[in-house]
Amino acid sequence: MMKILEEFFAHARGRKQVATELLRRGFKVDGKGKIYAGSIELPPAKIGRAIGVDRRVVIETARAIAADDKLIQIFYRLEPRAFIGNAAKELGFDVIEIRADPKRKGVVAAVTKTLADSQVNIRQIITDDPDLFPDPVLTIIIDGKLGAGVIKKLKEMKFAESVMIK
């Protein structure tokens, strides 16, 4: 996806920055160039302020996306999702953060198998896209607290560069 954005916005660094942020957050762009979080329309000025660009750059980016057949097909289908990782402690859940080579196959399968074999119930799994996030993380929110034995098994996995429990 980043390759598409790089090519399309090659001569417009600010627009590429806006498009990348819209993609990261799952903000939808409709055929008229309006930006939405789900069904809630978002004001370009507030998006621009949050990203650090002028609102006109946000408007121009959304219009450019809406005018391009390929980009509109992608951005029109985006959806934001609730991430409960930052509120997990208050909900009584543990969070496992694993950093590993994002090109390695089977990371999610190995981790979820280890958790399932240990009778750990998974509430949510989020994996960062390595093209959108420079330091991608596999985040798993589990019911309750993780036992020491399971933590040891996760830390012993050869592919895991780091395993953190929050």
Protein backbone atom coordinates (compact mmCIF):
# COMPACT_ATOMS: atom_id res chain seq x y z
CA MET A 1 0.00 0.00 0.00
CA MET A 2 2.79 2.41 0.85
CA LYS A 3 4.25 1.89 -2.62
CA ILE A 4 0.96 3.05 -4.13
CA LEU A 5 0.90 6.14 -1.91
CA GLU A 6 4.59 6.85 -2.61
CA GLU A 7 3.95 6.81 -6.37
CA PHE A 8 0.68 8.74 -6.27
CA PHE A 9 1.94 11.46 -3.93
CA ALA A 10 5.58 11.46 -5.12
CA HIS A 11 5.67 15.24 -5.54
CA ALA A 12 3.44 16.12 -2.58
CA ARG A 13 5.06 15.18 0.73
CA GLY A 14 2.28 16.76 2.81
CA ARG A 15 -0.43 14.89 0.95
CA LYS A 16 1.44 11.61 1.34
CA GLN A 17 1.70 12.30 5.06
CA VAL A 18 -2.06 12.93 5.26
CA ALA A 19 -2.94 9.84 3.19
CA THR A 20 -0.66 7.67 5.32
CA GLU A 21 -2.27 8.94 8.52
CA LEU A 22 -5.78 8.38 7.15
CA LEU A 23 -4.78 4.82 6.31
CA ARG A 24 -3.19 4.19 9.73
CA ARG A 25 -6.31 5.34 11.52
CA GLY A 26 -8.76 3.61 9.20
CA PHE A 27 -10.41 6.86 8.11
CA LYS A 28 -12.68 6.47 5.12
CA VAL A 29 -12.74 8.88 2.16
CA ASP A 30 -15.96 9.03 0.15
CA GLY A 31 -16.50 9.92 -3.50
CA LYS A 32 -16.93 13.60 -2.64
CA GLY A 33 -13.64 13.82 -0.75
CA LYS A 34 -15.19 13.84 2.72
CA ILE A 35 -13.37 12.02 5.51
CA TYR A 36 -15.10 9.76 8.01
CA ALA A 37 -14.38 7.69 11.10
CA GLY A 38 -17.06 5.08 10.54
CA SER A 39 -20.15 7.15 9.76
CA ILE A 40 -18.92 10.28 11.57
CA GLU A 41 -17.63 13.02 9.27
CA LEU A 42 -14.35 14.51 10.45
CA PRO A 43 -13.45 18.19 9.99
CA PRO A 44 -10.34 18.70 7.81
CA ALA A 45 -9.09 21.49 10.10
CA LYS A 46 -8.94 19.17 13.11
CA ILE A 47 -7.27 16.41 11.11
CA GLY A 48 -4.72 18.90 9.80
CA ARG A 49 -4.02 20.22 13.28
CA ALA A 50 -3.48 16.69 14.61
CA ILE A 51 -1.13 15.76 11.75
CA GLY A 52 0.64 19.12 11.64
CA VAL A 53 -0.46 20.27 8.19
CA ASP A 54 -2.76 22.97 6.90
CA ARG A 55 -6.43 21.98 6.52
CA ARG A 56 -6.18 22.73 2.80
CA VAL A 57 -3.64 19.92 2.43
CA VAL A 58 -6.12 17.56 4.07
CA ILE A 59 -8.91 18.71 1.74
CA GLU A 60 -6.69 18.43 -1.35
CA THR A 61 -5.53 14.95 -0.29
CA ALA A 62 -9.08 13.69 0.23
CA ARG A 63 -10.18 15.13 -3.12
CA ALA A 64 -7.19 13.55 -4.88
CA ILE A 65 -8.04 10.19 -3.32
CA ALA A 66 -11.70 10.56 -4.33
CA ALA A 67 -10.71 11.37 -7.91
CA ASP A 68 -8.46 8.34 -8.33
CA ASP A 69 -10.21 5.07 -9.21
CA LYS A 70 -7.69 2.86 -7.42
CA LEU A 71 -7.26 4.93 -4.25
CA ILE A 72 -10.98 5.53 -3.71
CA GLN A 73 -11.59 1.78 -3.87
CA ILE A 74 -9.13 1.35 -1.01
CA PHE A 75 -9.96 4.37 1.15
CA TYR A 76 -13.74 4.02 0.79
CA ARG A 77 -13.54 0.60 2.44
CA LEU A 78 -11.47 1.57 5.51
CA GLU A 79 -12.91 1.25 9.01
CA PRO A 80 -11.55 2.34 12.40
CA ARG A 81 -11.42 -0.31 15.11
CA ALA A 82 -11.47 -0.08 18.89
CA PHE A 83 -8.10 -0.93 20.41
CA ILE A 84 -8.53 -1.91 24.05
CA GLY A 85 -4.82 -2.42 24.78
CA ASN A 86 -4.36 0.92 26.50
CA ALA A 87 -7.39 0.30 28.73
CA ALA A 88 -6.63 -3.38 29.36
CA LYS A 89 -5.38 -2.92 32.93
CA GLU A 90 -8.62 -1.19 33.94
CA LEU A 91 -10.58 -4.05 32.34
CA GLY A 92 -8.58 -6.72 34.18
CA PHE A 93 -6.73 -7.94 31.06
CA ASP A 94 -3.05 -8.50 30.35
CA VAL A 95 -1.41 -7.24 27.17
CA ILE A 96 1.35 -9.12 25.38
CA GLU A 97 3.52 -7.10 23.00
CA ILE A 98 5.84 -9.04 20.73
CA ARG A 99 8.39 -7.59 18.38
CA ALA A 100 9.65 -9.97 15.70
CA ASP A 101 10.78 -9.92 12.10
CA PRO A 102 7.57 -8.87 10.29
CA LYS A 103 8.53 -10.91 7.21
CA ARG A 104 8.76 -14.14 9.20
CA LYS A 105 5.87 -16.50 8.59
CA GLY A 106 3.96 -18.22 11.38
CA VAL A 107 4.54 -15.74 14.22
CA VAL A 108 0.85 -15.21 14.98
CA ALA A 109 0.14 -18.93 14.59
CA ALA A 110 2.93 -19.94 17.00
CA VAL A 111 1.90 -17.39 19.63
CA THR A 112 -1.82 -18.20 19.45
CA LYS A 113 -1.08 -21.94 19.59
CA THR A 114 1.04 -21.44 22.71
CA LEU A 115 -1.76 -19.43 24.31
CA ALA A 116 -4.45 -21.93 23.29
CA ASP A 117 -2.39 -24.88 24.58
CA SER A 118 -2.13 -23.00 27.89
CA GLN A 119 -5.90 -22.41 28.02
CA VAL A 120 -5.49 -18.63 27.65
CA ASN A 121 -8.50 -16.81 26.17
CA ILE A 122 -7.63 -14.10 23.61
CA ARG A 123 -9.79 -10.95 23.57
CA GLN A 124 -8.10 -9.05 20.76
CA ILE A 125 -5.12 -9.35 18.41
CA ILE A 126 -3.67 -6.35 16.58
CA THR A 127 -0.71 -6.58 14.24
CA ASP A 128 0.89 -3.44 12.90
CA ASP A 129 1.46 -3.29 9.16
CA PRO A 130 5.24 -3.02 8.73
CA ASP A 131 4.76 -0.65 5.78
CA LEU A 132 2.76 1.78 7.91
CA PHE A 133 4.57 1.44 11.22
CA PRO A 134 8.38 1.54 11.36
CA ASP A 135 8.53 -0.64 14.50
CA PRO A 136 5.63 -3.10 14.06
CA VAL A 137 4.24 -4.83 17.13
CA LEU A 138 2.01 -7.86 17.57
CA THR A 139 -0.33 -6.96 20.43
CA ILE A 140 -2.50 -9.59 22.08
CA ILE A 141 -4.99 -8.75 24.82
CA ILE A 142 -5.97 -11.72 26.96
CA ASP A 143 -8.60 -12.40 29.60
CA GLY A 144 -7.12 -12.09 33.06
CA LYS A 145 -3.46 -12.41 33.97
CA LEU A 146 -0.82 -14.40 32.14
CA GLY A 147 0.95 -17.12 34.13
CA ALA A 148 4.74 -17.26 34.52
CA GLY A 149 4.95 -20.54 32.59
CA VAL A 150 3.25 -19.07 29.55
CA ILE A 151 5.42 -15.96 29.68
CA LYS A 152 8.51 -18.19 29.75
CA LYS A 153 7.28 -20.15 26.70
CA LEU A 154 6.63 -16.94 24.77
CA LYS A 155 10.05 -15.51 25.62
CA GLU A 156 11.74 -18.74 24.50
CA MET A 157 10.30 -18.48 20.98
CA LYS A 158 13.23 -18.05 18.58
CA PHE A 159 11.55 -15.43 16.42
CA ALA A 160 10.70 -13.10 19.31
CA GLU A 161 13.06 -10.13 19.46
CA SER A 162 11.21 -8.92 22.57
CA VAL A 163 8.18 -9.97 24.60
CA MET A 164 6.61 -7.50 27.03
CA ILE A 165 3.69 -8.10 29.36
CA LYS A 166 1.72 -5.04 30.43
